[in-house]
PDB file of N, CA and C in Angstrom:
ATOM      1  N   MET A   1       4.416   4.411 -23.470  1.00  0.00           N
ATOM      2  CA  MET A   1       3.011   4.081 -23.308  1.00  0.00           C
ATOM      3  C   MET A   1       2.268   5.345 -22.885  1.00  0.00           C
ATOM      4  N   THR A   2       1.319   5.736 -23.667  1.00  0.00           N
ATOM      5  CA  THR A   2       0.542   6.930 -23.374  1.00  0.00           C
ATOM      6  C   THR A   2      -0.807   6.528 -22.795  1.00  0.00           C
ATOM      7  N   LEU A   3      -1.109   7.055 -21.637  1.00  0.00           N
ATOM      8  CA  LEU A   3      -2.375   6.759 -20.981  1.00  0.00           C
ATOM      9  C   LEU A   3      -3.465   7.688 -21.485  1.00  0.00           C
ATOM     10  N   THR A   4      -4.693   7.209 -21.421  1.00  0.00           N
ATOM     11  CA  THR A   4      -5.841   8.053 -21.747  1.00  0.00           C
ATOM     12  C   THR A   4      -6.332   8.724 -20.471  1.00  0.00           C
ATOM     13  N   LEU A   5      -7.128   9.765 -20.630  1.00  0.00           N
ATOM     14  CA  LEU A   5      -7.696  10.433 -19.464  1.00  0.00           C
ATOM     15  C   LEU A   5      -8.594   9.489 -18.671  1.00  0.00           C
ATOM     16  N   GLU A   6      -9.289   8.590 -19.379  1.00  0.00           N
ATOM     17  CA  GLU A   6     -10.158   7.630 -18.694  1.00  0.00           C
ATOM     18  C   GLU A   6      -9.338   6.693 -17.809  1.00  0.00           C
ATOM     19  N   GLU A   7      -8.169   6.280 -18.284  1.00  0.00           N
ATOM     20  CA  GLU A   7      -7.314   5.406 -17.481  1.00  0.00           C
ATOM     21  C   GLU A   7      -6.801   6.142 -16.242  1.00  0.00           C
ATOM     22  N   VAL A   8      -6.448   7.402 -16.407  1.00  0.00           N
ATOM     23  CA  VAL A   8      -5.974   8.200 -15.274  1.00  0.00           C
ATOM     24  C   VAL A   8      -7.111   8.411 -14.273  1.00  0.00           C
ATOM     25  N   GLN A   9      -8.307   8.667 -14.760  1.00  0.00           N
ATOM     26  CA  GLN A   9      -9.458   8.820 -13.875  1.00  0.00           C
ATOM     27  C   GLN A   9      -9.711   7.526 -13.100  1.00  0.00           C
ATOM     28  N   HIS A  10      -9.553   6.388 -13.770  1.00  0.00           N
ATOM     29  CA  HIS A  10      -9.753   5.097 -13.114  1.00  0.00           C
ATOM     30  C   HIS A  10      -8.710   4.882 -12.017  1.00  0.00           C
ATOM     31  N   VAL A  11      -7.449   5.177 -12.311  1.00  0.00           N
ATOM     32  CA  VAL A  11      -6.384   5.036 -11.311  1.00  0.00           C
ATOM     33  C   VAL A  11      -6.630   5.992 -10.144  1.00  0.00           C
ATOM     34  N   ALA A  12      -7.045   7.207 -10.440  1.00  0.00           N
ATOM     35  CA  ALA A  12      -7.336   8.182  -9.383  1.00  0.00           C
ATOM     36  C   ALA A  12      -8.481   7.694  -8.504  1.00  0.00           C
ATOM     37  N   MET A  13      -9.491   7.103  -9.124  1.00  0.00           N
ATOM     38  CA  MET A  13     -10.624   6.582  -8.358  1.00  0.00           C
ATOM     39  C   MET A  13     -10.166   5.433  -7.452  1.00  0.00           C
ATOM     40  N   LEU A  14      -9.308   4.534  -7.978  1.00  0.00           N
ATOM     41  CA  LEU A  14      -8.795   3.428  -7.170  1.00  0.00           C
ATOM     42  C   LEU A  14      -7.959   3.927  -5.997  1.00  0.00           C
ATOM     43  N   ALA A  15      -7.236   5.027  -6.213  1.00  0.00           N
ATOM     44  CA  ALA A  15      -6.396   5.611  -5.162  1.00  0.00           C
ATOM     45  C   ALA A  15      -7.190   6.575  -4.281  1.00  0.00           C
ATOM     46  N   ARG A  16      -8.461   6.712  -4.573  1.00  0.00           N
ATOM     47  CA  ARG A  16      -9.342   7.623  -3.845  1.00  0.00           C
ATOM     48  C   ARG A  16      -8.828   9.063  -3.867  1.00  0.00           C
ATOM     49  N   LEU A  17      -8.333   9.457  -5.061  1.00  0.00           N
ATOM     50  CA  LEU A  17      -7.881  10.830  -5.269  1.00  0.00           C
ATOM     51  C   LEU A  17      -8.946  11.579  -6.054  1.00  0.00           C
ATOM     52  N   HIS A  18      -9.305  12.732  -5.583  1.00  0.00           N
ATOM     53  CA  HIS A  18     -10.277  13.565  -6.289  1.00  0.00           C
ATOM     54  C   HIS A  18      -9.491  14.645  -7.018  1.00  0.00           C
ATOM     55  N   LEU A  19      -9.234  14.403  -8.309  1.00  0.00           N
ATOM     56  CA  LEU A  19      -8.427  15.331  -9.096  1.00  0.00           C
ATOM     57  C   LEU A  19      -9.317  16.201  -9.959  1.00  0.00           C
ATOM     58  N   PRO A  20      -9.104  17.510  -9.922  1.00  0.00           N
ATOM     59  CA  PRO A  20      -9.840  18.380 -10.845  1.00  0.00           C
ATOM     60  C   PRO A  20      -9.368  18.127 -12.276  1.00  0.00           C
ATOM     61  N   ASP A  21     -10.164  18.535 -13.248  1.00  0.00           N
ATOM     62  CA  ASP A  21      -9.852  18.280 -14.655  1.00  0.00           C
ATOM     63  C   ASP A  21      -8.476  18.818 -15.047  1.00  0.00           C
ATOM     64  N   ALA A  22      -8.087  19.964 -14.497  1.00  0.00           N
ATOM     65  CA  ALA A  22      -6.776  20.547 -14.829  1.00  0.00           C
ATOM     66  C   ALA A  22      -5.650  19.623 -14.365  1.00  0.00           C
ATOM     67  N   GLU A  23      -5.832  18.963 -13.248  1.00  0.00           N
ATOM     68  CA  GLU A  23      -4.811  18.060 -12.716  1.00  0.00           C
ATOM     69  C   GLU A  23      -4.759  16.755 -13.509  1.00  0.00           C
ATOM     70  N   LEU A  24      -5.890  16.330 -14.063  1.00  0.00           N
ATOM     71  CA  LEU A  24      -5.941  15.054 -14.787  1.00  0.00           C
ATOM     72  C   LEU A  24      -4.974  15.041 -15.967  1.00  0.00           C
ATOM     73  N   GLU A  25      -4.939  16.094 -16.736  1.00  0.00           N
ATOM     74  CA  GLU A  25      -4.052  16.139 -17.902  1.00  0.00           C
ATOM     75  C   GLU A  25      -2.590  16.120 -17.459  1.00  0.00           C
ATOM     76  N   LYS A  26      -2.266  16.882 -16.420  1.00  0.00           N
ATOM     77  CA  LYS A  26      -0.903  16.904 -15.900  1.00  0.00           C
ATOM     78  C   LYS A  26      -0.515  15.501 -15.400  1.00  0.00           C
ATOM     79  N   MET A  27      -1.422  14.847 -14.684  1.00  0.00           N
ATOM     80  CA  MET A  27      -1.167  13.509 -14.163  1.00  0.00           C
ATOM     81  C   MET A  27      -1.031  12.498 -15.302  1.00  0.00           C
ATOM     82  N   ARG A  28      -1.824  12.668 -16.369  1.00  0.00           N
ATOM     83  CA  ARG A  28      -1.743  11.769 -17.519  1.00  0.00           C
ATOM     84  C   ARG A  28      -0.348  11.843 -18.140  1.00  0.00           C
ATOM     85  N   GLU A  29       0.162  13.060 -18.306  1.00  0.00           N
ATOM     86  CA  GLU A  29       1.496  13.233 -18.887  1.00  0.00           C
ATOM     87  C   GLU A  29       2.576  12.628 -17.986  1.00  0.00           C
ATOM     88  N   GLN A  30       2.489  12.899 -16.702  1.00  0.00           N
ATOM     89  CA  GLN A  30       3.507  12.407 -15.773  1.00  0.00           C
ATOM     90  C   GLN A  30       3.490  10.885 -15.660  1.00  0.00           C
ATOM     91  N   LEU A  31       2.307  10.308 -15.533  1.00  0.00           N
ATOM     92  CA  LEU A  31       2.220   8.848 -15.436  1.00  0.00           C
ATOM     93  C   LEU A  31       2.671   8.178 -16.730  1.00  0.00           C
ATOM     94  N   SER A  32       2.363   8.778 -17.853  1.00  0.00           N
ATOM     95  CA  SER A  32       2.805   8.223 -19.132  1.00  0.00           C
ATOM     96  C   SER A  32       4.327   8.242 -19.229  1.00  0.00           C
ATOM     97  N   GLN A  33       4.961   9.313 -18.762  1.00  0.00           N
ATOM     98  CA  GLN A  33       6.425   9.377 -18.767  1.00  0.00           C
ATOM     99  C   GLN A  33       7.032   8.323 -17.844  1.00  0.00           C
ATOM    100  N   ILE A  34       6.429   8.115 -16.695  1.00  0.00           N
ATOM    101  CA  ILE A  34       6.926   7.092 -15.763  1.00  0.00           C
ATOM    102  C   ILE A  34       6.850   5.716 -16.405  1.00  0.00           C
ATOM    103  N   LEU A  35       5.738   5.427 -17.058  1.00  0.00           N
ATOM    104  CA  LEU A  35       5.580   4.119 -17.703  1.00  0.00           C
ATOM    105  C   LEU A  35       6.569   3.945 -18.853  1.00  0.00           C
ATOM    106  N   GLU A  36       6.896   5.013 -19.564  1.00  0.00           N
ATOM    107  CA  GLU A  36       7.893   4.932 -20.631  1.00  0.00           C
ATOM    108  C   GLU A  36       9.265   4.602 -20.060  1.00  0.00           C
ATOM    109  N   TYR A  37       9.612   5.199 -18.919  1.00  0.00           N
ATOM    110  CA  TYR A  37      10.886   4.875 -18.273  1.00  0.00           C
ATOM    111  C   TYR A  37      10.910   3.412 -17.829  1.00  0.00           C
ATOM    112  N   ILE A  38       9.803   2.929 -17.321  1.00  0.00           N
ATOM    113  CA  ILE A  38       9.729   1.523 -16.899  1.00  0.00           C
ATOM    114  C   ILE A  38       9.858   0.605 -18.101  1.00  0.00           C
ATOM    115  N   ASP A  39       9.259   0.978 -19.224  1.00  0.00           N
ATOM    116  CA  ASP A  39       9.378   0.164 -20.447  1.00  0.00           C
ATOM    117  C   ASP A  39      10.835   0.054 -20.896  1.00  0.00           C
ATOM    118  N   MET A  40      11.649   1.056 -20.607  1.00  0.00           N
ATOM    119  CA  MET A  40      13.056   1.005 -20.988  1.00  0.00           C
ATOM    120  C   MET A  40      13.783  -0.145 -20.294  1.00  0.00           C
ATOM    121  N   LEU A  41      13.304  -0.574 -19.143  1.00  0.00           N
ATOM    122  CA  LEU A  41      13.941  -1.680 -18.427  1.00  0.00           C
ATOM    123  C   LEU A  41      13.872  -2.989 -19.208  1.00  0.00           C
ATOM    124  N   SER A  42      12.868  -3.138 -20.055  1.00  0.00           N
ATOM    125  CA  SER A  42      12.749  -4.374 -20.840  1.00  0.00           C
ATOM    126  C   SER A  42      13.857  -4.481 -21.884  1.00  0.00           C
ATOM    127  N   GLU A  43      14.559  -3.383 -22.163  1.00  0.00           N
ATOM    128  CA  GLU A  43      15.651  -3.400 -23.130  1.00  0.00           C
ATOM    129  C   GLU A  43      16.979  -3.846 -22.516  1.00  0.00           C
ATOM    130  N   VAL A  44      17.038  -3.942 -21.207  1.00  0.00           N
ATOM    131  CA  VAL A  44      18.273  -4.330 -20.521  1.00  0.00           C
ATOM    132  C   VAL A  44      18.471  -5.838 -20.673  1.00  0.00           C
ATOM    133  N   ASP A  45      19.690  -6.232 -21.068  1.00  0.00           N
ATOM    134  CA  ASP A  45      20.013  -7.646 -21.232  1.00  0.00           C
ATOM    135  C   ASP A  45      20.361  -8.247 -19.874  1.00  0.00           C
ATOM    136  N   VAL A  46      19.488  -9.110 -19.377  1.00  0.00           N
ATOM    137  CA  VAL A  46      19.717  -9.761 -18.088  1.00  0.00           C
ATOM    138  C   VAL A  46      19.844 -11.273 -18.267  1.00  0.00           C
ATOM    139  N   SER A  47      20.163 -11.688 -19.486  1.00  0.00           N
ATOM    140  CA  SER A  47      20.215 -13.127 -19.768  1.00  0.00           C
ATOM    141  C   SER A  47      21.296 -13.841 -18.966  1.00  0.00           C
ATOM    142  N   GLU A  48      22.338 -13.131 -18.563  1.00  0.00           N
ATOM    143  CA  GLU A  48      23.420 -13.782 -17.817  1.00  0.00           C
ATOM    144  C   GLU A  48      23.379 -13.452 -16.329  1.00  0.00           C
ATOM    145  N   VAL A  49      22.271 -12.904 -15.871  1.00  0.00           N
ATOM    146  CA  VAL A  49      22.117 -12.583 -14.454  1.00  0.00           C
ATOM    147  C   VAL A  49      21.226 -13.640 -13.823  1.00  0.00           C
ATOM    148  N   ALA A  50      21.734 -14.269 -12.782  1.00  0.00           N
ATOM    149  CA  ALA A  50      20.959 -15.317 -12.104  1.00  0.00           C
ATOM    150  C   ALA A  50      19.792 -14.677 -11.347  1.00  0.00           C
ATOM    151  N   PRO A  51      18.653 -15.372 -11.331  1.00  0.00           N
ATOM    152  CA  PRO A  51      17.518 -14.870 -10.541  1.00  0.00           C
ATOM    153  C   PRO A  51      17.934 -14.746  -9.075  1.00  0.00           C
ATOM    154  N   THR A  52      17.573 -13.646  -8.468  1.00  0.00           N
ATOM    155  CA  THR A  52      18.005 -13.377  -7.101  1.00  0.00           C
ATOM    156  C   THR A  52      16.830 -12.905  -6.262  1.00  0.00           C
ATOM    157  N   ALA A  53      16.628 -13.568  -5.130  1.00  0.00           N
ATOM    158  CA  ALA A  53      15.592 -13.124  -4.208  1.00  0.00           C
ATOM    159  C   ALA A  53      16.181 -12.283  -3.087  1.00  0.00           C
ATOM    160  N   GLN A  54      17.439 -12.541  -2.731  1.00  0.00           N
ATOM    161  CA  GLN A  54      18.093 -11.820  -1.643  1.00  0.00           C
ATOM    162  C   GLN A  54      19.540 -11.566  -2.060  1.00  0.00           C
ATOM    163  N   VAL A  55      19.926 -10.319  -2.155  1.00  0.00           N
ATOM    164  CA  VAL A  55      21.254  -9.993  -2.665  1.00  0.00           C
ATOM    165  C   VAL A  55      22.306  -9.847  -1.572  1.00  0.00           C
ATOM    166  N   THR A  56      21.902  -9.816  -0.324  1.00  0.00           N
ATOM    167  CA  THR A  56      22.867  -9.571   0.751  1.00  0.00           C
ATOM    168  C   THR A  56      23.204 -10.818   1.559  1.00  0.00           C
ATOM    169  N   ASN A  57      22.607 -11.956   1.242  1.00  0.00           N
ATOM    170  CA  ASN A  57      22.814 -13.206   1.976  1.00  0.00           C
ATOM    171  C   ASN A  57      22.473 -13.092   3.452  1.00  0.00           C
ATOM    172  N   LEU A  58      21.594 -12.172   3.809  1.00  0.00           N
ATOM    173  CA  LEU A  58      21.149 -12.048   5.190  1.00  0.00           C
ATOM    174  C   LEU A  58      19.979 -12.992   5.434  1.00  0.00           C
ATOM    175  N   SER A  59      19.828 -13.395   6.658  1.00  0.00           N
ATOM    176  CA  SER A  59      18.654 -14.190   7.011  1.00  0.00           C
ATOM    177  C   SER A  59      18.063 -13.620   8.291  1.00  0.00           C
ATOM    178  N   ASN A  60      16.774 -13.803   8.443  1.00  0.00           N
ATOM    179  CA  ASN A  60      16.103 -13.299   9.631  1.00  0.00           C
ATOM    180  C   ASN A  60      16.473 -14.140  10.847  1.00  0.00           C
ATOM    181  N   VAL A  61      16.677 -13.489  11.939  1.00  0.00           N
ATOM    182  CA  VAL A  61      16.915 -14.180  13.199  1.00  0.00           C
ATOM    183  C   VAL A  61      15.642 -14.004  14.015  1.00  0.00           C
ATOM    184  N   LEU A  62      14.922 -15.085  14.181  1.00  0.00           N
ATOM    185  CA  LEU A  62      13.628 -15.021  14.848  1.00  0.00           C
ATOM    186  C   LEU A  62      13.677 -15.790  16.160  1.00  0.00           C
ATOM    187  N   ARG A  63      12.934 -15.324  17.121  1.00  0.00           N
ATOM    188  CA  ARG A  63      12.839 -16.042  18.381  1.00  0.00           C
ATOM    189  C   ARG A  63      11.820 -17.167  18.226  1.00  0.00           C
ATOM    190  N   ASP A  64      11.889 -18.129  19.126  1.00  0.00           N
ATOM    191  CA  ASP A  64      10.899 -19.192  19.115  1.00  0.00           C
ATOM    192  C   ASP A  64       9.532 -18.611  19.449  1.00  0.00           C
ATOM    193  N   ASP A  65       8.518 -19.116  18.783  1.00  0.00           N
ATOM    194  CA  ASP A  65       7.153 -18.663  19.013  1.00  0.00           C
ATOM    195  C   ASP A  65       6.578 -19.472  20.171  1.00  0.00           C
ATOM    196  N   VAL A  66       6.514 -18.842  21.339  1.00  0.00           N
ATOM    197  CA  VAL A  66       6.039 -19.514  22.538  1.00  0.00           C
ATOM    198  C   VAL A  66       4.767 -18.826  22.998  1.00  0.00           C
ATOM    199  N   ALA A  67       3.730 -19.615  23.232  1.00  0.00           N
ATOM    200  CA  ALA A  67       2.454 -19.070  23.690  1.00  0.00           C
ATOM    201  C   ALA A  67       2.537 -18.687  25.159  1.00  0.00           C
ATOM    202  N   HIS A  68       1.979 -17.528  25.487  1.00  0.00           N
ATOM    203  CA  HIS A  68       1.918 -17.051  26.870  1.00  0.00           C
ATOM    204  C   HIS A  68       0.473 -16.694  27.167  1.00  0.00           C
ATOM    205  N   PRO A  69       0.089 -16.713  28.419  1.00  0.00           N
ATOM    206  CA  PRO A  69      -1.287 -16.319  28.749  1.00  0.00           C
ATOM    207  C   PRO A  69      -1.532 -14.852  28.406  1.00  0.00           C
ATOM    208  N   SER A  70      -2.721 -14.555  27.984  1.00  0.00           N
ATOM    209  CA  SER A  70      -3.080 -13.178  27.637  1.00  0.00           C
ATOM    210  C   SER A  70      -3.332 -12.362  28.894  1.00  0.00           C
ATOM    211  N   MET A  71      -3.308 -11.044  28.715  1.00  0.00           N
ATOM    212  CA  MET A  71      -3.664 -10.156  29.820  1.00  0.00           C
ATOM    213  C   MET A  71      -5.164 -10.254  30.063  1.00  0.00           C
ATOM    214  N   ASP A  72      -5.562  -9.909  31.256  1.00  0.00           N
ATOM    215  CA  ASP A  72      -6.975  -9.883  31.598  1.00  0.00           C
ATOM    216  C   ASP A  72      -7.662  -8.778  30.781  1.00  0.00           C
ATOM    217  N   ARG A  73      -8.836  -9.081  30.265  1.00  0.00           N
ATOM    218  CA  ARG A  73      -9.550  -8.124  29.421  1.00  0.00           C
ATOM    219  C   ARG A  73      -9.808  -6.811  30.163  1.00  0.00           C
ATOM    220  N   HIS A  74     -10.142  -6.882  31.430  1.00  0.00           N
ATOM    221  CA  HIS A  74     -10.395  -5.675  32.224  1.00  0.00           C
ATOM    222  C   HIS A  74      -9.152  -4.793  32.264  1.00  0.00           C
ATOM    223  N   ASP A  75      -7.968  -5.403  32.438  1.00  0.00           N
ATOM    224  CA  ASP A  75      -6.720  -4.639  32.485  1.00  0.00           C
ATOM    225  C   ASP A  75      -6.407  -4.013  31.119  1.00  0.00           C
ATOM    226  N   VAL A  76      -6.671  -4.756  30.060  1.00  0.00           N
ATOM    227  CA  VAL A  76      -6.390  -4.257  28.715  1.00  0.00           C
ATOM    228  C   VAL A  76      -7.249  -3.036  28.406  1.00  0.00           C
ATOM    229  N   LEU A  77      -8.515  -3.089  28.782  1.00  0.00           N
ATOM    230  CA  LEU A  77      -9.452  -2.015  28.456  1.00  0.00           C
ATOM    231  C   LEU A  77      -9.451  -0.887  29.490  1.00  0.00           C
ATOM    232  N   ALA A  78      -8.637  -0.993  30.531  1.00  0.00           N
ATOM    233  CA  ALA A  78      -8.659  -0.014  31.619  1.00  0.00           C
ATOM    234  C   ALA A  78      -8.402   1.410  31.124  1.00  0.00           C
ATOM    235  N   ASN A  79      -7.516   1.605  30.169  1.00  0.00           N
ATOM    236  CA  ASN A  79      -7.199   2.954  29.686  1.00  0.00           C
ATOM    237  C   ASN A  79      -7.776   3.250  28.307  1.00  0.00           C
ATOM    238  N   ALA A  80      -8.667   2.410  27.839  1.00  0.00           N
ATOM    239  CA  ALA A  80      -9.266   2.632  26.520  1.00  0.00           C
ATOM    240  C   ALA A  80     -10.125   3.891  26.557  1.00  0.00           C
ATOM    241  N   PRO A  81      -9.949   4.798  25.590  1.00  0.00           N
ATOM    242  CA  PRO A  81     -10.760   6.010  25.586  1.00  0.00           C
ATOM    243  C   PRO A  81     -12.239   5.720  25.322  1.00  0.00           C
ATOM    244  N   ASP A  82     -12.525   4.628  24.613  1.00  0.00           N
ATOM    245  CA  ASP A  82     -13.909   4.265  24.329  1.00  0.00           C
ATOM    246  C   ASP A  82     -13.977   2.758  24.166  1.00  0.00           C
ATOM    247  N   GLN A  83     -14.962   2.143  24.795  1.00  0.00           N
ATOM    248  CA  GLN A  83     -15.128   0.692  24.692  1.00  0.00           C
ATOM    249  C   GLN A  83     -16.612   0.355  24.692  1.00  0.00           C
ATOM    250  N   GLN A  84     -16.906  -0.826  24.159  1.00  0.00           N
ATOM    251  CA  GLN A  84     -18.296  -1.276  24.107  1.00  0.00           C
ATOM    252  C   GLN A  84     -18.294  -2.792  24.111  1.00  0.00           C
ATOM    253  N   ASP A  85     -19.064  -3.389  24.975  1.00  0.00           N
ATOM    254  CA  ASP A  85     -19.203  -4.837  25.078  1.00  0.00           C
ATOM    255  C   ASP A  85     -17.857  -5.540  25.223  1.00  0.00           C
ATOM    256  N   GLY A  86     -16.950  -4.968  26.002  1.00  0.00           N
ATOM    257  CA  GLY A  86     -15.665  -5.584  26.251  1.00  0.00           C
ATOM    258  C   GLY A  86     -14.684  -5.495  25.093  1.00  0.00           C
ATOM    259  N   MET A  87     -14.906  -4.551  24.174  1.00  0.00           N
ATOM    260  CA  MET A  87     -14.013  -4.380  23.024  1.00  0.00           C
ATOM    261  C   MET A  87     -13.679  -2.896  22.864  1.00  0.00           C
ATOM    262  N   PHE A  88     -12.547  -2.641  22.193  1.00  0.00           N
ATOM    263  CA  PHE A  88     -12.199  -1.260  21.869  1.00  0.00           C
ATOM    264  C   PHE A  88     -13.203  -0.735  20.866  1.00  0.00           C
ATOM    265  N   ARG A  89     -13.612   0.503  21.032  1.00  0.00           N
ATOM    266  CA  ARG A  89     -14.503   1.147  20.069  1.00  0.00           C
ATOM    267  C   ARG A  89     -13.686   2.231  19.382  1.00  0.00           C
ATOM    268  N   VAL A  90     -13.629   2.174  18.043  1.00  0.00           N
ATOM    269  CA  VAL A  90     -12.850   3.135  17.269  1.00  0.00           C
ATOM    270  C   VAL A  90     -13.718   3.740  16.180  1.00  0.00           C
ATOM    271  N   ASN A  91     -13.275   4.852  15.629  1.00  0.00           N
ATOM    272  CA  ASN A  91     -13.997   5.468  14.514  1.00  0.00           C
ATOM    273  C   ASN A  91     -13.885   4.585  13.282  1.00  0.00           C
ATOM    274  N   ALA A  92     -14.869   4.660  12.442  1.00  0.00           N
ATOM    275  CA  ALA A  92     -14.854   3.894  11.200  1.00  0.00           C
ATOM    276  C   ALA A  92     -13.670   4.326  10.347  1.00  0.00           C
ATOM    277  N   VAL A  93     -12.985   3.363   9.744  1.00  0.00           N
ATOM    278  CA  VAL A  93     -11.827   3.655   8.910  1.00  0.00           C
ATOM    279  C   VAL A  93     -12.268   3.943   7.488  1.00  0.00           C
ATOM    280  N   PHE A  94     -13.166   3.138   6.982  1.00  0.00           N
ATOM    281  CA  PHE A  94     -13.636   3.290   5.602  1.00  0.00           C
ATOM    282  C   PHE A  94     -15.046   3.836   5.627  1.00  0.00           C
ATOM    283  N   GLU A  95     -15.181   5.042   5.172  1.00  0.00           N
ATOM    284  CA  GLU A  95     -16.494   5.651   5.065  1.00  0.00           C
ATOM    285  C   GLU A  95     -16.677   6.142   3.643  1.00  0.00           C
ATOM    286  N   ASP A  96     -17.858   5.961   3.110  1.00  0.00           N
ATOM    287  CA  ASP A  96     -18.163   6.431   1.768  1.00  0.00           C
ATOM    288  C   ASP A  96     -18.386   7.930   1.826  1.00  0.00           C
ATOM    289  N   THR A  97     -17.496   8.698   1.189  1.00  0.00           N
ATOM    290  CA  THR A  97     -17.595  10.154   1.251  1.00  0.00           C
ATOM    291  C   THR A  97     -18.362  10.733   0.070  1.00  0.00           C
ATOM    292  N   GLU A  98     -18.844   9.895  -0.799  1.00  0.00           N
ATOM    293  CA  GLU A  98     -19.557  10.413  -1.976  1.00  0.00           C
ATOM    294  C   GLU A  98     -21.021  10.541  -1.702  1.00  0.00           C
TER     295      GLU A  98
END
């Protein structure tokens, strides 16, 4: 499967990667090769392989979920580097850089 430059630009935009034009062609070739390798998996005969969700027969060992009283808000925020209105104040995670 050969990708177009427009498809690579779209994937780069979704991944928030700013690729120069020289990198786009290199990325197009590499991603196309990866997809060709993945397409090869469809040629493998798995008709006699049972569907498997867990191959090791392990199971999670979980503790009982028991509710406990929360810490006092004042104690929780005592060492917060920045707080506002009784909540942690943090820098914005998603900012539009364009």
